[in-house]
């Protein structure tokens, strides 16, 4: 065959000579090199952040544990949150309840509200309206609008056989006046009619 008559073949971009060792094309290899370093950097940042968070949780848990055991209600409440949410520890609702209860007994309003919700819903502890009312009442007396709302709802709806719509509306009104949005809506729908 003469050179000018040589058969021309279409070039295949996937021939062994156009592929790199990893099996991709040279373009794929070049693109990989462009993103590899930023990906490794992100992976490293994620790893360091995760380790850092674990270390911070461990240190926080240790200091909260000490303060909680000394009787600090805020530390008891925060320790309860860590156990309830699994922050730095395995989720443990029994330990969370223990710390919330200790904080609530010392007058920590948020812990009182949470205990009220716990007994009201019956999801973690057995449903007990008397206990729910007791804890909601304590938090409501400290001005917790959400506790006023839930307590008012219990009385208004007669949950647990304790129907007193007038008392319920009064509590819902207090909650609404303290800015609790759900209370404003409910008060306008049921108490102003």
Protein backbone atom coordinates (compact mmCIF):
# COMPACT_ATOMS: atom_id res chain seq x y z
CA UNK A 1 0.00 0.00 0.00
CA UNK A 2 1.24 3.41 -0.84
CA UNK A 3 1.38 5.99 1.92
CA UNK A 4 -1.29 8.13 0.30
CA UNK A 5 -3.55 5.13 0.08
CA UNK A 6 -3.11 4.13 3.70
CA UNK A 7 -6.35 3.33 5.35
CA UNK A 8 -7.36 5.84 7.99
CA UNK A 9 -9.02 4.45 11.06
CA UNK A 10 -11.09 6.48 13.43
CA UNK A 11 -9.17 7.06 16.60
CA UNK A 12 -10.59 5.44 19.66
CA UNK A 13 -10.16 7.61 22.74
CA UNK A 14 -10.42 4.56 24.90
CA UNK A 15 -7.39 2.79 23.54
CA UNK A 16 -4.89 1.55 26.08
CA UNK A 17 -2.50 4.37 25.19
CA UNK A 18 -5.07 7.06 26.10
CA UNK A 19 -5.92 5.50 29.49
CA UNK A 20 -4.00 6.02 32.67
CA UNK A 21 -3.04 3.37 35.14
CA UNK A 22 -6.24 3.77 37.22
CA UNK A 23 -8.34 2.93 34.19
CA UNK A 24 -9.73 6.42 33.53
CA UNK A 25 -8.94 8.72 30.67
CA UNK A 26 -6.20 11.28 30.98
CA UNK A 27 -8.89 13.97 31.30
CA UNK A 28 -10.49 12.09 34.20
CA UNK A 29 -7.09 11.76 35.85
CA UNK A 30 -6.48 15.49 35.48
CA UNK A 31 -9.89 16.30 36.93
CA UNK A 32 -9.29 13.92 39.83
CA UNK A 33 -6.02 15.68 40.62
CA UNK A 34 -7.88 19.00 40.70
CA UNK A 35 -10.48 17.82 43.24
CA UNK A 36 -8.45 15.28 45.21
CA UNK A 37 -6.59 17.78 47.39
CA UNK A 38 -9.70 19.83 48.34
CA UNK A 39 -11.59 16.60 49.10
CA UNK A 40 -8.79 15.35 51.30
CA UNK A 41 -8.71 18.74 53.04
CA UNK A 42 -12.47 18.59 53.67
CA UNK A 43 -12.19 15.04 54.98
CA UNK A 44 -9.40 16.13 57.31
CA UNK A 45 -11.42 19.14 58.53
CA UNK A 46 -14.43 16.89 59.17
CA UNK A 47 -12.25 14.39 61.06
CA UNK A 48 -10.62 17.09 63.20
CA UNK A 49 -13.97 18.77 63.90
CA UNK A 50 -15.55 15.47 64.89
CA UNK A 51 -12.66 14.60 67.18
CA UNK A 52 -12.68 18.12 68.58
CA UNK A 53 -16.43 17.94 69.25
CA UNK A 54 -16.03 14.58 70.96
CA UNK A 55 -13.25 16.02 73.12
CA UNK A 56 -15.32 19.11 73.91
CA UNK A 57 -18.33 16.97 74.84
CA UNK A 58 -16.14 14.83 77.08
CA UNK A 59 -14.76 17.92 78.85
CA UNK A 60 -18.24 19.47 79.07
CA UNK A 61 -19.73 16.26 80.41
CA UNK A 62 -17.03 15.99 83.06
CA UNK A 63 -17.46 19.57 84.30
CA UNK A 64 -21.26 19.39 84.18
CA UNK A 65 -21.21 16.12 86.09
CA UNK A 66 -19.15 17.71 88.86
CA UNK A 67 -21.35 20.80 89.04
CA UNK A 68 -24.55 18.74 88.91
CA UNK A 69 -23.36 16.55 91.76
CA UNK A 70 -22.66 19.71 93.77
CA UNK A 71 -26.33 20.65 93.34
CA UNK A 72 -26.12 23.24 90.55
CA UNK A 73 -29.62 23.22 88.98
CA UNK A 74 -28.48 24.65 85.63
CA UNK A 75 -25.76 22.00 85.36
CA UNK A 76 -28.30 19.32 86.24
CA UNK A 77 -30.64 20.59 83.53
CA UNK A 78 -27.85 20.77 80.93
CA UNK A 79 -26.63 17.31 81.86
CA UNK A 80 -30.19 16.07 81.41
CA UNK A 81 -30.17 17.63 77.94
CA UNK A 82 -26.93 15.87 77.02
CA UNK A 83 -28.38 12.48 78.01
CA UNK A 84 -31.72 13.22 76.38
CA UNK A 85 -30.14 14.27 73.06
CA UNK A 86 -27.16 11.91 73.06
CA UNK A 87 -24.61 14.74 73.01
CA UNK A 88 -21.26 13.25 73.89
CA UNK A 89 -22.99 10.30 75.56
CA UNK A 90 -25.33 7.52 74.55
CA UNK A 91 -28.97 8.60 74.73
CA UNK A 92 -30.27 7.60 78.12
CA UNK A 93 -33.73 8.85 79.04
CA UNK A 94 -33.53 7.41 82.55
CA UNK A 95 -30.40 9.46 83.33
CA UNK A 96 -31.91 12.47 81.57
CA UNK A 97 -35.04 12.16 83.71
CA UNK A 98 -32.94 11.84 86.88
CA UNK A 99 -31.10 15.10 86.16
CA UNK A 100 -34.21 16.95 84.97
CA UNK A 101 -36.02 15.88 88.12
CA UNK A 102 -33.21 17.12 90.37
CA UNK A 103 -33.09 20.46 88.53
CA UNK A 104 -36.90 20.78 88.65
CA UNK A 105 -36.94 20.09 92.40
CA UNK A 106 -34.60 23.05 92.80
CA UNK A 107 -36.93 25.33 90.84
CA UNK A 108 -35.35 25.23 87.37
CA UNK A 109 -38.37 26.28 85.26
CA UNK A 110 -37.30 24.68 81.97
CA UNK A 111 -36.80 21.32 83.72
CA UNK A 112 -40.22 21.71 85.35
CA UNK A 113 -41.76 22.35 81.93
CA UNK A 114 -40.03 19.28 80.47
CA UNK A 115 -41.25 17.07 83.31
CA UNK A 116 -44.77 18.41 82.76
CA UNK A 117 -44.51 17.53 79.07
CA UNK A 118 -43.09 14.11 79.90
CA UNK A 119 -45.99 13.20 82.18
CA UNK A 120 -48.56 14.88 79.93
CA UNK A 121 -47.55 13.05 76.75
CA UNK A 122 -46.87 9.67 78.32
CA UNK A 123 -44.15 8.98 75.75
CA UNK A 124 -41.22 8.37 78.11
CA UNK A 125 -42.98 8.04 81.46
CA UNK A 126 -46.46 6.71 82.09
CA UNK A 127 -49.07 9.40 81.42
CA UNK A 128 -49.99 11.07 84.69
CA UNK A 129 -52.10 14.24 84.53
CA UNK A 130 -51.65 15.04 88.22
CA UNK A 131 -47.85 15.01 87.85
CA UNK A 132 -48.08 16.98 84.59
CA UNK A 133 -50.23 19.63 86.28
CA UNK A 134 -47.89 19.79 89.28
CA UNK A 135 -44.83 20.49 87.10
CA UNK A 136 -46.63 22.78 84.66
CA UNK A 137 -47.98 24.77 87.62
CA UNK A 138 -44.50 25.25 89.07
CA UNK A 139 -43.11 26.44 85.72
CA UNK A 140 -46.19 28.60 85.05
CA UNK A 141 -45.75 30.34 88.40
CA UNK A 142 -42.29 31.36 87.19
CA UNK A 143 -43.82 32.97 84.10
CA UNK A 144 -43.12 30.19 81.59
CA UNK A 145 -45.67 30.95 78.85
CA UNK A 146 -45.48 27.46 77.36
CA UNK A 147 -46.28 25.89 80.74
CA UNK A 148 -49.21 28.29 81.19
CA UNK A 149 -50.50 27.23 77.77
CA UNK A 150 -50.26 23.48 78.42
CA UNK A 151 -51.75 23.81 81.88
CA UNK A 152 -54.58 25.93 80.49
CA UNK A 153 -55.19 23.38 77.74
CA UNK A 154 -55.45 20.56 80.27
CA UNK A 155 -58.07 22.46 82.27
CA UNK A 156 -59.95 23.74 79.22
CA UNK A 157 -60.15 20.30 77.57
CA UNK A 158 -60.79 18.44 80.81
CA UNK A 159 -57.83 16.10 80.40
CA UNK A 160 -57.50 13.71 83.29
CA UNK A 161 -61.04 14.58 84.42
CA UNK A 162 -60.07 18.09 85.52
CA UNK A 163 -62.39 20.25 83.39
CA UNK A 164 -62.46 23.94 84.29
CA UNK A 165 -62.82 26.02 81.13
CA UNK A 166 -62.74 29.34 82.95
CA UNK A 167 -59.45 28.49 84.66
CA UNK A 168 -58.13 27.10 81.37
CA UNK A 169 -58.96 30.30 79.48
CA UNK A 170 -57.34 32.41 82.20
CA UNK A 171 -54.10 30.43 81.91
CA UNK A 172 -54.21 30.48 78.11
CA UNK A 173 -54.74 34.24 78.25
CA UNK A 174 -51.70 34.62 80.53
CA UNK A 175 -49.67 32.56 78.08
CA UNK A 176 -50.89 34.68 75.17
CA UNK A 177 -50.01 37.87 77.05
CA UNK A 178 -46.53 36.44 77.55
CA UNK A 179 -46.22 36.03 73.77
CA UNK A 180 -46.75 32.31 73.25
CA UNK A 181 -48.10 32.15 69.66
CA UNK A 182 -50.12 28.94 70.04
CA UNK A 183 -51.85 30.46 73.07
CA UNK A 184 -52.78 33.60 71.13
CA UNK A 185 -54.42 31.49 68.42
CA UNK A 186 -56.24 29.21 70.87
CA UNK A 187 -57.37 32.10 73.06
CA UNK A 188 -58.86 33.88 70.04
CA UNK A 189 -60.60 30.69 68.84
CA UNK A 190 -62.07 29.31 72.06
CA UNK A 191 -61.93 31.85 74.86
CA UNK A 192 -63.19 34.98 73.10
CA UNK A 193 -66.35 33.48 71.66
